[in-house]
Amino acid sequence: MAMMDVGVLDDEATAIYAHLFDALGDPSRLAVLQHLASGEHRVRDLVDHLGLAQSTVSKHLRFMQDCRLITVRTEGRASWFNLAHPAATAALINAAEVLLRDAGTHVSLCTHLRQLSAVSTDRKDVA
């Protein structure tokens, strides 16, 4: 079998991909994504849903904002968090499910997260 010449690896791109996969590699952050797939949430809502400390939820939200996975909308004193790219997030989750299935693991995340690719185009899915 012939080896493909990958050329020079792009260290910056590799670091960006690794950061994204770090964001998706934490069970609490995946739980946050599942909740946000059903609609906007405040930190307080996520604290109640997840049973985590407010500071922990805020830390996870900052990490996911840094990766541009989520957006924040301020309304008065409240900050509302939402998925930044629901269709792209759903496509990635669906691809992971296929990879896991092909590797012999049959699991799936919540239905509303996996089916976001059917979201209407009135939501902004492209930066």
N, C-alpha and C. Protein backbone atom coordinates (compact mmCIF):
# COMPACT_ATOMS: atom_id res chain seq x y z
N MET A 1 0.84 -1.18 0.00
CA MET A 1 0.00 0.00 0.00
C MET A 1 0.89 1.24 0.00
N ALA A 2 0.65 2.15 -0.93
CA ALA A 2 1.46 3.35 -1.07
C ALA A 2 1.09 4.38 -0.01
N MET A 3 2.09 5.03 0.54
CA MET A 3 1.86 6.08 1.52
C MET A 3 1.64 7.40 0.78
N MET A 4 0.67 8.18 1.25
CA MET A 4 0.43 9.50 0.66
C MET A 4 1.44 10.48 1.23
N ASP A 5 1.94 11.33 0.38
CA ASP A 5 2.83 12.39 0.84
C ASP A 5 1.97 13.50 1.41
N VAL A 6 2.04 13.69 2.72
CA VAL A 6 1.21 14.70 3.36
C VAL A 6 1.85 16.08 3.30
N GLY A 7 3.07 16.15 2.84
CA GLY A 7 3.74 17.43 2.77
C GLY A 7 4.04 17.95 4.16
N VAL A 8 4.16 19.25 4.26
CA VAL A 8 4.47 19.89 5.53
C VAL A 8 3.17 20.06 6.31
N LEU A 9 3.19 19.64 7.55
CA LEU A 9 2.02 19.80 8.41
C LEU A 9 1.88 21.27 8.81
N ASP A 10 0.67 21.73 8.89
CA ASP A 10 0.37 23.10 9.29
C ASP A 10 0.14 23.11 10.79
N ASP A 11 1.12 23.56 11.55
CA ASP A 11 1.04 23.55 13.01
C ASP A 11 -0.12 24.39 13.53
N GLU A 12 -0.37 25.54 12.89
CA GLU A 12 -1.45 26.41 13.35
C GLU A 12 -2.81 25.73 13.13
N ALA A 13 -3.01 25.16 11.96
CA ALA A 13 -4.27 24.46 11.69
C ALA A 13 -4.44 23.28 12.64
N THR A 14 -3.37 22.55 12.89
CA THR A 14 -3.43 21.42 13.80
C THR A 14 -3.85 21.88 15.20
N ALA A 15 -3.31 22.98 15.65
CA ALA A 15 -3.65 23.51 16.98
C ALA A 15 -5.12 23.95 17.03
N ILE A 16 -5.62 24.55 15.95
CA ILE A 16 -7.01 25.00 15.91
C ILE A 16 -7.95 23.80 15.96
N TYR A 17 -7.64 22.77 15.17
CA TYR A 17 -8.45 21.55 15.20
C TYR A 17 -8.41 20.92 16.59
N ALA A 18 -7.24 20.86 17.19
CA ALA A 18 -7.10 20.26 18.52
C ALA A 18 -7.94 21.02 19.54
N HIS A 19 -7.97 22.35 19.43
CA HIS A 19 -8.76 23.17 20.35
C HIS A 19 -10.25 22.86 20.19
N LEU A 20 -10.71 22.73 18.94
CA LEU A 20 -12.10 22.37 18.70
C LEU A 20 -12.42 21.01 19.29
N PHE A 21 -11.56 20.02 19.04
CA PHE A 21 -11.81 18.69 19.57
C PHE A 21 -11.70 18.66 21.10
N ASP A 22 -10.89 19.53 21.69
CA ASP A 22 -10.87 19.67 23.15
C ASP A 22 -12.24 20.14 23.64
N ALA A 23 -12.82 21.09 22.92
CA ALA A 23 -14.14 21.60 23.30
C ALA A 23 -15.18 20.50 23.27
N LEU A 24 -15.09 19.62 22.30
CA LEU A 24 -16.07 18.54 22.16
C LEU A 24 -15.69 17.30 22.97
N GLY A 25 -14.49 17.29 23.54
CA GLY A 25 -14.00 16.13 24.24
C GLY A 25 -14.35 16.08 25.72
N ASP A 26 -15.08 17.04 26.21
CA ASP A 26 -15.45 17.07 27.61
C ASP A 26 -16.93 16.74 27.76
N PRO A 27 -17.28 15.75 28.58
CA PRO A 27 -18.68 15.38 28.73
C PRO A 27 -19.60 16.52 29.16
N SER A 28 -19.12 17.41 30.01
CA SER A 28 -19.95 18.53 30.44
C SER A 28 -20.22 19.49 29.29
N ARG A 29 -19.21 19.73 28.46
CA ARG A 29 -19.42 20.62 27.31
C ARG A 29 -20.36 19.98 26.30
N LEU A 30 -20.27 18.67 26.10
CA LEU A 30 -21.22 17.99 25.22
C LEU A 30 -22.64 18.09 25.78
N ALA A 31 -22.77 18.01 27.09
CA ALA A 31 -24.09 18.17 27.71
C ALA A 31 -24.62 19.58 27.49
N VAL A 32 -23.75 20.58 27.59
CA VAL A 32 -24.15 21.96 27.32
C VAL A 32 -24.64 22.08 25.88
N LEU A 33 -23.91 21.50 24.93
CA LEU A 33 -24.32 21.55 23.53
C LEU A 33 -25.69 20.90 23.34
N GLN A 34 -25.93 19.79 24.03
CA GLN A 34 -27.22 19.13 23.91
C GLN A 34 -28.35 20.03 24.41
N HIS A 35 -28.11 20.73 25.50
CA HIS A 35 -29.13 21.64 26.02
C HIS A 35 -29.33 22.83 25.08
N LEU A 36 -28.24 23.38 24.56
CA LEU A 36 -28.36 24.52 23.65
C LEU A 36 -29.01 24.14 22.33
N ALA A 37 -28.95 22.87 21.97
CA ALA A 37 -29.60 22.42 20.73
C ALA A 37 -31.12 22.56 20.82
N SER A 38 -31.64 22.62 22.03
CA SER A 38 -33.09 22.79 22.18
C SER A 38 -33.48 24.26 22.25
N GLY A 39 -32.50 25.16 22.28
CA GLY A 39 -32.79 26.60 22.31
C GLY A 39 -31.86 27.33 23.27
N GLU A 40 -32.04 28.64 23.32
CA GLU A 40 -31.21 29.48 24.16
C GLU A 40 -31.35 29.11 25.64
N HIS A 41 -30.24 29.25 26.35
CA HIS A 41 -30.22 29.03 27.80
C HIS A 41 -29.36 30.10 28.46
N ARG A 42 -29.72 30.43 29.69
CA ARG A 42 -28.88 31.29 30.52
C ARG A 42 -27.96 30.38 31.33
N VAL A 43 -26.92 30.96 31.90
CA VAL A 43 -26.01 30.19 32.74
C VAL A 43 -26.81 29.53 33.86
N ARG A 44 -27.71 30.27 34.47
CA ARG A 44 -28.51 29.74 35.57
C ARG A 44 -29.31 28.51 35.13
N ASP A 45 -29.87 28.54 33.91
CA ASP A 45 -30.61 27.38 33.39
C ASP A 45 -29.69 26.18 33.27
N LEU A 46 -28.50 26.40 32.72
CA LEU A 46 -27.55 25.30 32.53
C LEU A 46 -27.06 24.75 33.86
N VAL A 47 -26.88 25.62 34.84
CA VAL A 47 -26.49 25.17 36.19
C VAL A 47 -27.56 24.23 36.73
N ASP A 48 -28.83 24.62 36.57
CA ASP A 48 -29.93 23.77 37.06
C ASP A 48 -29.98 22.44 36.31
N HIS A 49 -29.82 22.48 34.99
CA HIS A 49 -29.89 21.26 34.18
C HIS A 49 -28.73 20.31 34.46
N LEU A 50 -27.54 20.87 34.60
CA LEU A 50 -26.33 20.04 34.69
C LEU A 50 -25.92 19.70 36.11
N GLY A 51 -26.39 20.50 37.08
CA GLY A 51 -26.00 20.25 38.46
C GLY A 51 -24.55 20.61 38.74
N LEU A 52 -24.01 21.51 37.95
CA LEU A 52 -22.63 21.96 38.14
C LEU A 52 -22.62 23.35 38.77
N ALA A 53 -21.49 23.73 39.32
CA ALA A 53 -21.33 25.07 39.89
C ALA A 53 -21.39 26.11 38.78
N GLN A 54 -21.89 27.29 39.13
CA GLN A 54 -22.00 28.38 38.16
C GLN A 54 -20.65 28.70 37.55
N SER A 55 -19.60 28.69 38.35
CA SER A 55 -18.26 29.02 37.83
C SER A 55 -17.80 27.96 36.83
N THR A 56 -18.15 26.71 37.06
CA THR A 56 -17.77 25.63 36.14
C THR A 56 -18.50 25.77 34.82
N VAL A 57 -19.81 26.04 34.88
CA VAL A 57 -20.60 26.23 33.65
C VAL A 57 -20.06 27.42 32.88
N SER A 58 -19.78 28.51 33.57
CA SER A 58 -19.24 29.71 32.91
C SER A 58 -17.90 29.42 32.24
N LYS A 59 -17.07 28.64 32.89
CA LYS A 59 -15.77 28.27 32.31
C LYS A 59 -15.97 27.47 31.02
N HIS A 60 -16.88 26.51 31.05
CA HIS A 60 -17.17 25.72 29.85
C HIS A 60 -17.73 26.60 28.73
N LEU A 61 -18.61 27.52 29.07
CA LEU A 61 -19.18 28.42 28.06
C LEU A 61 -18.11 29.30 27.43
N ARG A 62 -17.19 29.82 28.25
CA ARG A 62 -16.09 30.64 27.71
C ARG A 62 -15.23 29.84 26.75
N PHE A 63 -14.95 28.60 27.11
CA PHE A 63 -14.14 27.73 26.25
C PHE A 63 -14.83 27.52 24.91
N MET A 64 -16.14 27.25 24.94
CA MET A 64 -16.88 27.01 23.71
C MET A 64 -17.06 28.30 22.89
N GLN A 65 -17.15 29.45 23.56
CA GLN A 65 -17.18 30.72 22.85
C GLN A 65 -15.85 30.96 22.14
N ASP A 66 -14.76 30.63 22.81
CA ASP A 66 -13.43 30.79 22.24
C ASP A 66 -13.28 29.96 20.96
N CYS A 67 -13.94 28.82 20.93
CA CYS A 67 -13.93 27.95 19.73
C CYS A 67 -14.98 28.37 18.72
N ARG A 68 -15.77 29.36 19.06
CA ARG A 68 -16.85 29.87 18.21
C ARG A 68 -17.95 28.84 17.98
N LEU A 69 -18.14 27.95 18.95
CA LEU A 69 -19.23 26.98 18.87
C LEU A 69 -20.56 27.56 19.34
N ILE A 70 -20.48 28.58 20.21
CA ILE A 70 -21.69 29.18 20.76
C ILE A 70 -21.60 30.70 20.66
N THR A 71 -22.76 31.33 20.76
CA THR A 71 -22.84 32.79 20.78
C THR A 71 -23.54 33.20 22.07
N VAL A 72 -23.41 34.46 22.40
CA VAL A 72 -24.08 35.00 23.58
C VAL A 72 -24.84 36.25 23.16
N ARG A 73 -26.04 36.38 23.71
CA ARG A 73 -26.88 37.55 23.47
C ARG A 73 -27.25 38.11 24.84
N THR A 74 -27.00 39.40 25.03
CA THR A 74 -27.29 40.03 26.31
C THR A 74 -28.68 40.67 26.25
N GLU A 75 -29.44 40.41 27.30
CA GLU A 75 -30.77 41.01 27.43
C GLU A 75 -30.89 41.49 28.87
N GLY A 76 -30.77 42.79 29.07
CA GLY A 76 -30.75 43.32 30.43
C GLY A 76 -29.52 42.80 31.15
N ARG A 77 -29.73 42.18 32.30
CA ARG A 77 -28.61 41.61 33.05
C ARG A 77 -28.36 40.16 32.71
N ALA A 78 -29.20 39.59 31.86
CA ALA A 78 -29.09 38.17 31.52
C ALA A 78 -28.29 37.98 30.23
N SER A 79 -27.52 36.92 30.20
CA SER A 79 -26.80 36.51 28.99
C SER A 79 -27.40 35.20 28.52
N TRP A 80 -27.82 35.17 27.26
CA TRP A 80 -28.44 34.00 26.66
C TRP A 80 -27.45 33.36 25.70
N PHE A 81 -27.23 32.06 25.86
CA PHE A 81 -26.27 31.33 25.04
C PHE A 81 -27.01 30.45 24.04
N ASN A 82 -26.41 30.34 22.85
CA ASN A 82 -27.03 29.59 21.77
C ASN A 82 -25.93 28.96 20.92
N LEU A 83 -26.28 27.95 20.16
CA LEU A 83 -25.33 27.38 19.21
C LEU A 83 -25.06 28.38 18.10
N ALA A 84 -23.80 28.55 17.75
CA ALA A 84 -23.44 29.50 16.70
C ALA A 84 -23.72 28.92 15.31
N HIS A 85 -23.52 27.65 15.15
CA HIS A 85 -23.64 26.99 13.84
C HIS A 85 -24.37 25.66 14.01
N PRO A 86 -25.68 25.70 14.23
CA PRO A 86 -26.41 24.47 14.55
C PRO A 86 -26.30 23.38 13.49
N ALA A 87 -26.41 23.72 12.22
CA ALA A 87 -26.34 22.69 11.18
C ALA A 87 -24.96 22.06 11.10
N ALA A 88 -23.91 22.87 11.21
CA ALA A 88 -22.54 22.35 11.15
C ALA A 88 -22.25 21.50 12.39
N THR A 89 -22.76 21.92 13.55
CA THR A 89 -22.58 21.14 14.77
C THR A 89 -23.28 19.79 14.64
N ALA A 90 -24.49 19.80 14.11
CA ALA A 90 -25.23 18.55 13.90
C ALA A 90 -24.50 17.64 12.93
N ALA A 91 -23.96 18.22 11.86
CA ALA A 91 -23.22 17.41 10.87
C ALA A 91 -22.01 16.75 11.52
N LEU A 92 -21.31 17.48 12.38
CA LEU A 92 -20.14 16.91 13.07
C LEU A 92 -20.57 15.80 14.02
N ILE A 93 -21.65 16.01 14.75
CA ILE A 93 -22.15 14.98 15.67
C ILE A 93 -22.61 13.75 14.89
N ASN A 94 -23.28 13.98 13.77
CA ASN A 94 -23.71 12.85 12.94
C ASN A 94 -22.52 12.08 12.38
N ALA A 95 -21.47 12.79 11.96
CA ALA A 95 -20.27 12.13 11.45
C ALA A 95 -19.59 11.31 12.55
N ALA A 96 -19.56 11.86 13.75
CA ALA A 96 -18.97 11.12 14.88
C ALA A 96 -19.77 9.86 15.17
N GLU A 97 -21.10 9.96 15.07
CA GLU A 97 -21.94 8.79 15.30
C GLU A 97 -21.66 7.70 14.27
N VAL A 98 -21.48 8.09 13.00
CA VAL A 98 -21.16 7.12 11.95
C VAL A 98 -19.80 6.48 12.23
N LEU A 99 -18.82 7.28 12.60
CA LEU A 99 -17.49 6.75 12.90
C LEU A 99 -17.54 5.77 14.09
N LEU A 100 -18.27 6.16 15.13
CA LEU A 100 -18.41 5.27 16.28
C LEU A 100 -19.12 3.97 15.90
N ARG A 101 -20.17 4.09 15.10
CA ARG A 101 -20.89 2.89 14.66
C ARG A 101 -19.99 1.98 13.84
N ASP A 102 -19.22 2.57 12.91
CA ASP A 102 -18.31 1.78 12.08
C ASP A 102 -17.22 1.12 12.92
N ALA A 103 -16.89 1.74 14.06
CA ALA A 103 -15.89 1.18 14.96
C ALA A 103 -16.51 0.18 15.94
N GLY A 104 -17.83 -0.04 15.82
CA GLY A 104 -18.48 -1.05 16.64
C GLY A 104 -19.18 -0.54 17.88
N THR A 105 -19.29 0.77 18.03
CA THR A 105 -19.97 1.36 19.18
C THR A 105 -21.25 2.03 18.71
N HIS A 106 -22.37 1.51 19.16
CA HIS A 106 -23.67 2.03 18.71
C HIS A 106 -24.28 2.91 19.80
N VAL A 107 -23.98 4.21 19.71
CA VAL A 107 -24.53 5.19 20.65
C VAL A 107 -24.93 6.42 19.87
N SER A 108 -25.76 7.24 20.48
CA SER A 108 -26.08 8.52 19.85
C SER A 108 -26.44 9.52 20.94
N LEU A 109 -26.19 10.78 20.63
CA LEU A 109 -26.54 11.86 21.55
C LEU A 109 -28.02 12.18 21.37
N CYS A 110 -28.50 13.14 22.11
CA CYS A 110 -29.92 13.48 22.06
C CYS A 110 -30.38 13.76 20.63
N THR A 111 -31.59 13.39 20.36
CA THR A 111 -32.14 13.51 19.01
C THR A 111 -32.11 14.94 18.50
N HIS A 112 -32.46 15.92 19.34
CA HIS A 112 -32.51 17.29 18.84
C HIS A 112 -31.14 17.83 18.46
N LEU A 113 -30.06 17.31 19.01
CA LEU A 113 -28.72 17.73 18.60
C LEU A 113 -28.35 17.10 17.27
N ARG A 114 -28.64 15.83 17.11
CA ARG A 114 -28.30 15.14 15.87
C ARG A 114 -29.12 15.63 14.69
N GLN A 115 -30.30 16.14 14.93
CA GLN A 115 -31.17 16.52 13.83
C GLN A 115 -31.14 18.02 13.53
N LEU A 116 -30.22 18.73 14.10
CA LEU A 116 -30.14 20.17 13.84
C LEU A 116 -29.82 20.51 12.40
N SER A 117 -29.28 19.56 11.64
CA SER A 117 -28.97 19.86 10.25
C SER A 117 -30.23 20.16 9.46
N ALA A 118 -31.39 19.79 10.00
CA ALA A 118 -32.66 20.09 9.35
C ALA A 118 -33.21 21.44 9.78
N VAL A 119 -32.45 22.17 10.60
CA VAL A 119 -32.89 23.49 11.08
C VAL A 119 -33.12 24.41 9.89
N SER A 120 -34.13 25.22 9.99
CA SER A 120 -34.41 26.15 8.90
C SER A 120 -33.27 27.13 8.71
N THR A 121 -33.18 27.68 7.54
CA THR A 121 -32.06 28.56 7.22
C THR A 121 -32.20 29.95 7.81
N ASP A 122 -33.23 30.18 8.64
CA ASP A 122 -33.34 31.49 9.27
C ASP A 122 -32.33 31.69 10.37
N ARG A 123 -31.65 30.61 10.80
CA ARG A 123 -30.57 30.74 11.79
C ARG A 123 -29.26 30.87 11.06
N LYS A 124 -28.37 31.64 11.62
CA LYS A 124 -27.06 31.87 10.99
C LYS A 124 -26.17 30.67 11.24
N ASP A 125 -25.77 29.98 10.14
CA ASP A 125 -24.93 28.79 10.26
C ASP A 125 -23.54 29.00 9.71
N VAL A 126 -23.26 30.13 9.15
CA VAL A 126 -21.96 30.36 8.56
C VAL A 126 -21.37 31.65 9.10
N ALA A 127 -20.11 31.61 9.46
CA ALA A 127 -19.47 32.83 9.99
C ALA A 127 -19.11 33.75 8.85
